[in-house]
Amino acid sequence: MNERILTLHPATDKSGVNIDKKKYEQVKTAMLVILEKEGGKKFMELATLIKQTLPEFDGSVNWYAETVKLDLEARGVITHERKKRPALIQLTTSDSLGC
């Protein structure tokens, strides 16, 4: 049986989801490397880059990217400023890759 991780959600009234830890780590690593190298990205740009980074990924990259994004927001690793346009996803600190 695969190891699983319960993600967090930035909205206090919502729950995270229980997902495969290996897939979580693959998407998380790709996301953080992309944001570290390229700076803020809109969600669809980020998801496209993750798909390019993980061409053999088994599952919906968009779904996993959204789930991991929400978890990393809840943990304070990234921000997603929805009120600003464009709504960019960004690292909160330069040492976020160590999380």
C-alpha atoms as a PDB file:
ATOM      1  CA  MET A   1       0.000   0.000   0.000  1.00  0.00           C
ATOM      2  CA  ASN A   2       1.272   3.469  -0.898  1.00  0.00           C
ATOM      3  CA  GLU A   3       2.044   5.965   1.835  1.00  0.00           C
ATOM      4  CA  ARG A   4      -0.431   8.852   1.966  1.00  0.00           C
ATOM      5  CA  ILE A   5      -0.394  12.429   3.222  1.00  0.00           C
ATOM      6  CA  LEU A   6      -3.279  14.536   4.515  1.00  0.00           C
ATOM      7  CA  THR A   7      -2.975  17.957   2.927  1.00  0.00           C
ATOM      8  CA  LEU A   8      -4.042  21.206   4.516  1.00  0.00           C
ATOM      9  CA  HIS A   9      -6.387  23.865   3.134  1.00  0.00           C
ATOM     10  CA  PRO A  10      -5.819  27.601   3.625  1.00  0.00           C
ATOM     11  CA  ALA A  11      -9.523  28.189   4.371  1.00  0.00           C
ATOM     12  CA  THR A  12     -10.082  27.274   8.003  1.00  0.00           C
ATOM     13  CA  ASP A  13     -13.564  25.932   7.296  1.00  0.00           C
ATOM     14  CA  LYS A  14     -12.352  23.460   4.638  1.00  0.00           C
ATOM     15  CA  SER A  15     -10.458  20.204   4.921  1.00  0.00           C
ATOM     16  CA  GLY A  16      -7.511  19.003   2.920  1.00  0.00           C
ATOM     17  CA  VAL A  17      -7.455  15.678   1.101  1.00  0.00           C
ATOM     18  CA  ASN A  18      -5.627  12.410   1.659  1.00  0.00           C
ATOM     19  CA  ILE A  19      -3.349  11.807  -1.353  1.00  0.00           C
ATOM     20  CA  ASP A  20      -0.458   9.584  -2.420  1.00  0.00           C
ATOM     21  CA  LYS A  21       2.692  10.972  -0.776  1.00  0.00           C
ATOM     22  CA  LYS A  22       4.967  10.145  -3.728  1.00  0.00           C
ATOM     23  CA  LYS A  23       2.763  12.092  -6.150  1.00  0.00           C
ATOM     24  CA  TYR A  24       2.479  14.945  -3.641  1.00  0.00           C
ATOM     25  CA  GLU A  25       6.280  15.135  -3.380  1.00  0.00           C
ATOM     26  CA  GLN A  26       6.743  15.012  -7.178  1.00  0.00           C
ATOM     27  CA  VAL A  27       4.332  17.894  -7.777  1.00  0.00           C
ATOM     28  CA  LYS A  28       5.568  19.883  -4.766  1.00  0.00           C
ATOM     29  CA  THR A  29       9.200  19.627  -5.873  1.00  0.00           C
ATOM     30  CA  ALA A  30       8.372  20.595  -9.462  1.00  0.00           C
ATOM     31  CA  MET A  31       6.227  23.514  -8.285  1.00  0.00           C
ATOM     32  CA  LEU A  32       8.839  24.901  -5.899  1.00  0.00           C
ATOM     33  CA  VAL A  33      11.684  24.568  -8.410  1.00  0.00           C
ATOM     34  CA  ILE A  34       9.636  26.359 -11.087  1.00  0.00           C
ATOM     35  CA  LEU A  35       8.674  29.183  -8.727  1.00  0.00           C
ATOM     36  CA  GLU A  36      12.256  29.491  -7.483  1.00  0.00           C
ATOM     37  CA  LYS A  37      13.636  29.710 -11.039  1.00  0.00           C
ATOM     38  CA  GLU A  38      10.895  31.707 -12.739  1.00  0.00           C
ATOM     39  CA  GLY A  39       9.181  33.747 -10.045  1.00  0.00           C
ATOM     40  CA  GLY A  40       5.431  34.278  -9.766  1.00  0.00           C
ATOM     41  CA  LYS A  41       3.130  32.388 -12.111  1.00  0.00           C
ATOM     42  CA  LYS A  42      -0.579  32.224 -12.836  1.00  0.00           C
ATOM     43  CA  PHE A  43      -2.033  28.840 -11.944  1.00  0.00           C
ATOM     44  CA  MET A  44      -2.487  27.570 -15.508  1.00  0.00           C
ATOM     45  CA  GLU A  45       1.047  28.643 -16.451  1.00  0.00           C
ATOM     46  CA  LEU A  46       2.373  26.816 -13.409  1.00  0.00           C
ATOM     47  CA  ALA A  47       0.316  23.683 -14.140  1.00  0.00           C
ATOM     48  CA  THR A  48       1.563  23.640 -17.741  1.00  0.00           C
ATOM     49  CA  LEU A  49       5.177  23.881 -16.586  1.00  0.00           C
ATOM     50  CA  ILE A  50       4.610  21.083 -14.051  1.00  0.00           C
ATOM     51  CA  LYS A  51       3.169  18.891 -16.842  1.00  0.00           C
ATOM     52  CA  GLN A  52       6.287  19.565 -18.915  1.00  0.00           C
ATOM     53  CA  THR A  53       8.503  18.738 -15.937  1.00  0.00           C
ATOM     54  CA  LEU A  54       6.605  15.520 -15.136  1.00  0.00           C
ATOM     55  CA  PRO A  55       5.583  14.109 -18.552  1.00  0.00           C
ATOM     56  CA  GLU A  56       5.120  10.572 -17.187  1.00  0.00           C
ATOM     57  CA  PHE A  57       2.998  11.647 -14.188  1.00  0.00           C
ATOM     58  CA  ASP A  58       0.240   9.153 -13.435  1.00  0.00           C
ATOM     59  CA  GLY A  59      -2.834  11.259 -12.677  1.00  0.00           C
ATOM     60  CA  SER A  60      -4.332  14.668 -13.299  1.00  0.00           C
ATOM     61  CA  VAL A  61      -1.505  17.174 -12.991  1.00  0.00           C
ATOM     62  CA  ASN A  62      -4.001  20.036 -12.692  1.00  0.00           C
ATOM     63  CA  TRP A  63      -5.817  18.374  -9.779  1.00  0.00           C
ATOM     64  CA  TYR A  64      -2.610  17.504  -7.946  1.00  0.00           C
ATOM     65  CA  ALA A  65      -1.157  20.957  -8.654  1.00  0.00           C
ATOM     66  CA  GLU A  66      -4.245  22.614  -7.150  1.00  0.00           C
ATOM     67  CA  THR A  67      -4.197  20.318  -4.117  1.00  0.00           C
ATOM     68  CA  VAL A  68      -0.478  20.830  -3.490  1.00  0.00           C
ATOM     69  CA  LYS A  69      -0.815  24.589  -4.082  1.00  0.00           C
ATOM     70  CA  LEU A  70      -3.541  24.835  -1.436  1.00  0.00           C
ATOM     71  CA  ASP A  71      -1.459  22.776   1.001  1.00  0.00           C
ATOM     72  CA  LEU A  72       1.633  24.924   0.483  1.00  0.00           C
ATOM     73  CA  GLU A  73      -0.477  28.067   0.907  1.00  0.00           C
ATOM     74  CA  ALA A  74      -1.827  26.724   4.208  1.00  0.00           C
ATOM     75  CA  ARG A  75       1.741  25.973   5.339  1.00  0.00           C
ATOM     76  CA  GLY A  76       2.929  29.482   4.422  1.00  0.00           C
ATOM     77  CA  VAL A  77       5.408  28.271   1.788  1.00  0.00           C
ATOM     78  CA  ILE A  78       3.686  30.060  -1.110  1.00  0.00           C
ATOM     79  CA  THR A  79       1.181  32.862  -1.544  1.00  0.00           C
ATOM     80  CA  HIS A  80      -1.634  33.176  -4.056  1.00  0.00           C
ATOM     81  CA  GLU A  81      -2.763  36.780  -4.086  1.00  0.00           C
ATOM     82  CA  ARG A  82      -6.200  36.425  -5.653  1.00  0.00           C
ATOM     83  CA  LYS A  83      -7.240  40.060  -5.218  1.00  0.00           C
ATOM     84  CA  LYS A  84      -4.375  41.392  -7.348  1.00  0.00           C
ATOM     85  CA  ARG A  85      -4.284  41.015 -11.124  1.00  0.00           C
ATOM     86  CA  PRO A  86      -2.702  38.967 -12.381  1.00  0.00           C
ATOM     87  CA  ALA A  87      -3.279  36.573  -9.478  1.00  0.00           C
ATOM     88  CA  LEU A  88       0.215  35.158  -9.081  1.00  0.00           C
ATOM     89  CA  ILE A  89       1.454  32.201  -7.079  1.00  0.00           C
ATOM     90  CA  GLN A  90       4.789  33.015  -5.472  1.00  0.00           C
ATOM     91  CA  LEU A  91       7.236  31.671  -2.924  1.00  0.00           C
ATOM     92  CA  THR A  92       6.985  33.426   0.421  1.00  0.00           C
ATOM     93  CA  THR A  93      10.740  33.213   1.094  1.00  0.00           C
ATOM     94  CA  SER A  94      13.847  32.358  -0.876  1.00  0.00           C
ATOM     95  CA  ASP A  95      14.550  29.310   1.287  1.00  0.00           C
ATOM     96  CA  SER A  96      11.166  27.632   0.682  1.00  0.00           C
ATOM     97  CA  LEU A  97      12.775  24.729  -1.156  1.00  0.00           C
ATOM     98  CA  GLY A  98      13.934  23.412   2.176  1.00  0.00           C
ATOM     99  CA  CYS A  99      10.401  22.807   3.455  1.00  0.00           C
END
